[in-house]
Amino acid sequence: MTLLIILACLFGAVALMVILGERFGKPMDEEQQAKFSKTTWILVFAILIAALVKGML
């Protein structure tokens, strides 16, 4: 029963984020998209390296 309550709360939170994001979100311009794209690749690479190091220990 506890698992169902947690899943319901999680579903409600995600639904709320989607609704609010669609209502109040604004599209990004191409400069911002390019900046976030570069930053995302760096973060993904760093997370993969950290996971590899953690797996070796």
N, C-alpha and C. Protein backbone atom coordinates (compact mmCIF):
# COMPACT_ATOMS: atom_id res chain seq x y z
N MET A 1 0.83 -1.20 0.00
CA MET A 1 0.00 0.00 0.00
C MET A 1 0.87 1.26 0.00
N THR A 2 1.96 1.21 0.74
CA THR A 2 2.85 2.36 0.81
C THR A 2 3.44 2.67 -0.57
N LEU A 3 3.76 1.62 -1.32
CA LEU A 3 4.32 1.80 -2.65
C LEU A 3 3.32 2.50 -3.56
N LEU A 4 2.06 2.15 -3.46
CA LEU A 4 1.03 2.81 -4.28
C LEU A 4 0.89 4.29 -3.93
N ILE A 5 1.01 4.62 -2.67
CA ILE A 5 0.93 6.02 -2.25
C ILE A 5 2.12 6.81 -2.80
N ILE A 6 3.31 6.21 -2.71
CA ILE A 6 4.50 6.87 -3.24
C ILE A 6 4.38 7.07 -4.74
N LEU A 7 3.92 6.05 -5.47
CA LEU A 7 3.75 6.17 -6.91
C LEU A 7 2.70 7.21 -7.28
N ALA A 8 1.63 7.29 -6.52
CA ALA A 8 0.60 8.29 -6.79
C ALA A 8 1.14 9.70 -6.57
N CYS A 9 1.91 9.89 -5.50
CA CYS A 9 2.52 11.20 -5.24
C CYS A 9 3.51 11.56 -6.34
N LEU A 10 4.29 10.60 -6.78
CA LEU A 10 5.26 10.84 -7.85
C LEU A 10 4.54 11.19 -9.16
N PHE A 11 3.49 10.46 -9.49
CA PHE A 11 2.71 10.75 -10.70
C PHE A 11 2.09 12.14 -10.61
N GLY A 12 1.56 12.50 -9.46
CA GLY A 12 0.97 13.82 -9.29
C GLY A 12 2.00 14.93 -9.45
N ALA A 13 3.19 14.73 -8.89
CA ALA A 13 4.25 15.74 -9.00
C ALA A 13 4.69 15.91 -10.45
N VAL A 14 4.86 14.81 -11.17
CA VAL A 14 5.27 14.89 -12.58
C VAL A 14 4.17 15.56 -13.41
N ALA A 15 2.93 15.21 -13.16
CA ALA A 15 1.82 15.83 -13.89
C ALA A 15 1.77 17.33 -13.62
N LEU A 16 2.00 17.73 -12.39
CA LEU A 16 2.01 19.15 -12.04
C LEU A 16 3.16 19.88 -12.75
N MET A 17 4.34 19.26 -12.80
CA MET A 17 5.47 19.88 -13.49
C MET A 17 5.18 20.05 -14.98
N VAL A 18 4.55 19.05 -15.59
CA VAL A 18 4.24 19.14 -17.02
C VAL A 18 3.22 20.24 -17.28
N ILE A 19 2.19 20.29 -16.47
CA ILE A 19 1.14 21.31 -16.66
C ILE A 19 1.71 22.71 -16.47
N LEU A 20 2.47 22.92 -15.40
CA LEU A 20 3.06 24.24 -15.15
C LEU A 20 4.11 24.59 -16.19
N GLY A 21 4.88 23.61 -16.65
CA GLY A 21 5.88 23.86 -17.68
C GLY A 21 5.26 24.27 -19.00
N GLU A 22 4.14 23.64 -19.36
CA GLU A 22 3.46 24.01 -20.59
C GLU A 22 2.80 25.38 -20.48
N ARG A 23 2.30 25.70 -19.33
CA ARG A 23 1.58 26.96 -19.17
C ARG A 23 2.51 28.16 -19.05
N PHE A 24 3.56 28.04 -18.24
CA PHE A 24 4.41 29.18 -17.95
C PHE A 24 5.78 29.12 -18.63
N GLY A 25 6.11 28.02 -19.28
CA GLY A 25 7.41 27.89 -19.93
C GLY A 25 7.48 28.72 -21.20
N LYS A 26 8.66 29.20 -21.49
CA LYS A 26 8.85 29.94 -22.74
C LYS A 26 9.96 29.26 -23.54
N PRO A 27 9.86 29.30 -24.85
CA PRO A 27 10.87 28.63 -25.66
C PRO A 27 12.24 29.30 -25.54
N MET A 28 13.29 28.50 -25.65
CA MET A 28 14.64 29.05 -25.59
C MET A 28 15.07 29.48 -26.98
N ASP A 29 15.91 30.52 -27.03
CA ASP A 29 16.46 30.90 -28.32
C ASP A 29 17.63 29.98 -28.65
N GLU A 30 18.12 30.08 -29.87
CA GLU A 30 19.14 29.14 -30.33
C GLU A 30 20.47 29.29 -29.59
N GLU A 31 20.79 30.48 -29.13
CA GLU A 31 22.03 30.68 -28.37
C GLU A 31 21.99 29.92 -27.06
N GLN A 32 20.86 30.01 -26.36
CA GLN A 32 20.72 29.28 -25.10
C GLN A 32 20.76 27.77 -25.33
N GLN A 33 20.11 27.31 -26.39
CA GLN A 33 20.11 25.87 -26.69
C GLN A 33 21.52 25.38 -26.96
N ALA A 34 22.30 26.15 -27.70
CA ALA A 34 23.68 25.75 -27.99
C ALA A 34 24.52 25.71 -26.72
N LYS A 35 24.32 26.70 -25.84
CA LYS A 35 25.06 26.74 -24.58
C LYS A 35 24.73 25.54 -23.70
N PHE A 36 23.44 25.23 -23.57
CA PHE A 36 23.03 24.09 -22.75
C PHE A 36 23.48 22.78 -23.38
N SER A 37 23.52 22.71 -24.69
CA SER A 37 23.96 21.49 -25.36
C SER A 37 25.42 21.21 -25.06
N LYS A 38 26.27 22.23 -25.11
CA LYS A 38 27.68 22.05 -24.78
C LYS A 38 27.85 21.65 -23.32
N THR A 39 27.13 22.31 -22.45
CA THR A 39 27.23 22.02 -21.01
C THR A 39 26.75 20.60 -20.71
N THR A 40 25.70 20.17 -21.38
CA THR A 40 25.15 18.84 -21.14
C THR A 40 26.16 17.76 -21.50
N TRP A 41 26.83 17.90 -22.65
CA TRP A 41 27.82 16.89 -23.05
C TRP A 41 28.96 16.82 -22.05
N ILE A 42 29.40 17.95 -21.53
CA ILE A 42 30.48 17.96 -20.54
C ILE A 42 30.03 17.26 -19.26
N LEU A 43 28.80 17.55 -18.80
CA LEU A 43 28.30 16.92 -17.59
C LEU A 43 28.12 15.41 -17.75
N VAL A 44 27.60 14.98 -18.90
CA VAL A 44 27.42 13.55 -19.14
C VAL A 44 28.77 12.84 -19.13
N PHE A 45 29.77 13.44 -19.78
CA PHE A 45 31.11 12.86 -19.79
C PHE A 45 31.68 12.76 -18.38
N ALA A 46 31.51 13.81 -17.59
CA ALA A 46 32.02 13.80 -16.21
C ALA A 46 31.31 12.74 -15.37
N ILE A 47 30.02 12.58 -15.55
CA ILE A 47 29.27 11.57 -14.79
C ILE A 47 29.71 10.17 -15.18
N LEU A 48 29.96 9.93 -16.47
CA LEU A 48 30.44 8.62 -16.90
C LEU A 48 31.82 8.31 -16.32
N ILE A 49 32.70 9.29 -16.32
CA ILE A 49 34.03 9.09 -15.74
C ILE A 49 33.91 8.79 -14.25
N ALA A 50 33.06 9.55 -13.55
CA ALA A 50 32.88 9.32 -12.12
C ALA A 50 32.31 7.92 -11.85
N ALA A 51 31.38 7.47 -12.68
CA ALA A 51 30.83 6.12 -12.51
C ALA A 51 31.88 5.05 -12.76
N LEU A 52 32.73 5.26 -13.75
CA LEU A 52 33.80 4.30 -14.01
C LEU A 52 34.78 4.23 -12.84
N VAL A 53 35.14 5.40 -12.30
CA VAL A 53 36.06 5.43 -11.16
C VAL A 53 35.42 4.75 -9.96
N LYS A 54 34.16 5.03 -9.72
CA LYS A 54 33.47 4.41 -8.58
C LYS A 54 33.37 2.89 -8.75
N GLY A 55 33.15 2.46 -10.00
CA GLY A 55 33.07 1.02 -10.26
C GLY A 55 34.38 0.31 -10.07
N MET A 56 35.49 1.01 -10.29
CA MET A 56 36.81 0.39 -10.12
C MET A 56 37.20 0.25 -8.66
N LEU A 57 36.63 1.06 -7.80
CA LEU A 57 37.00 1.03 -6.38
C LEU A 57 36.27 -0.04 -5.62
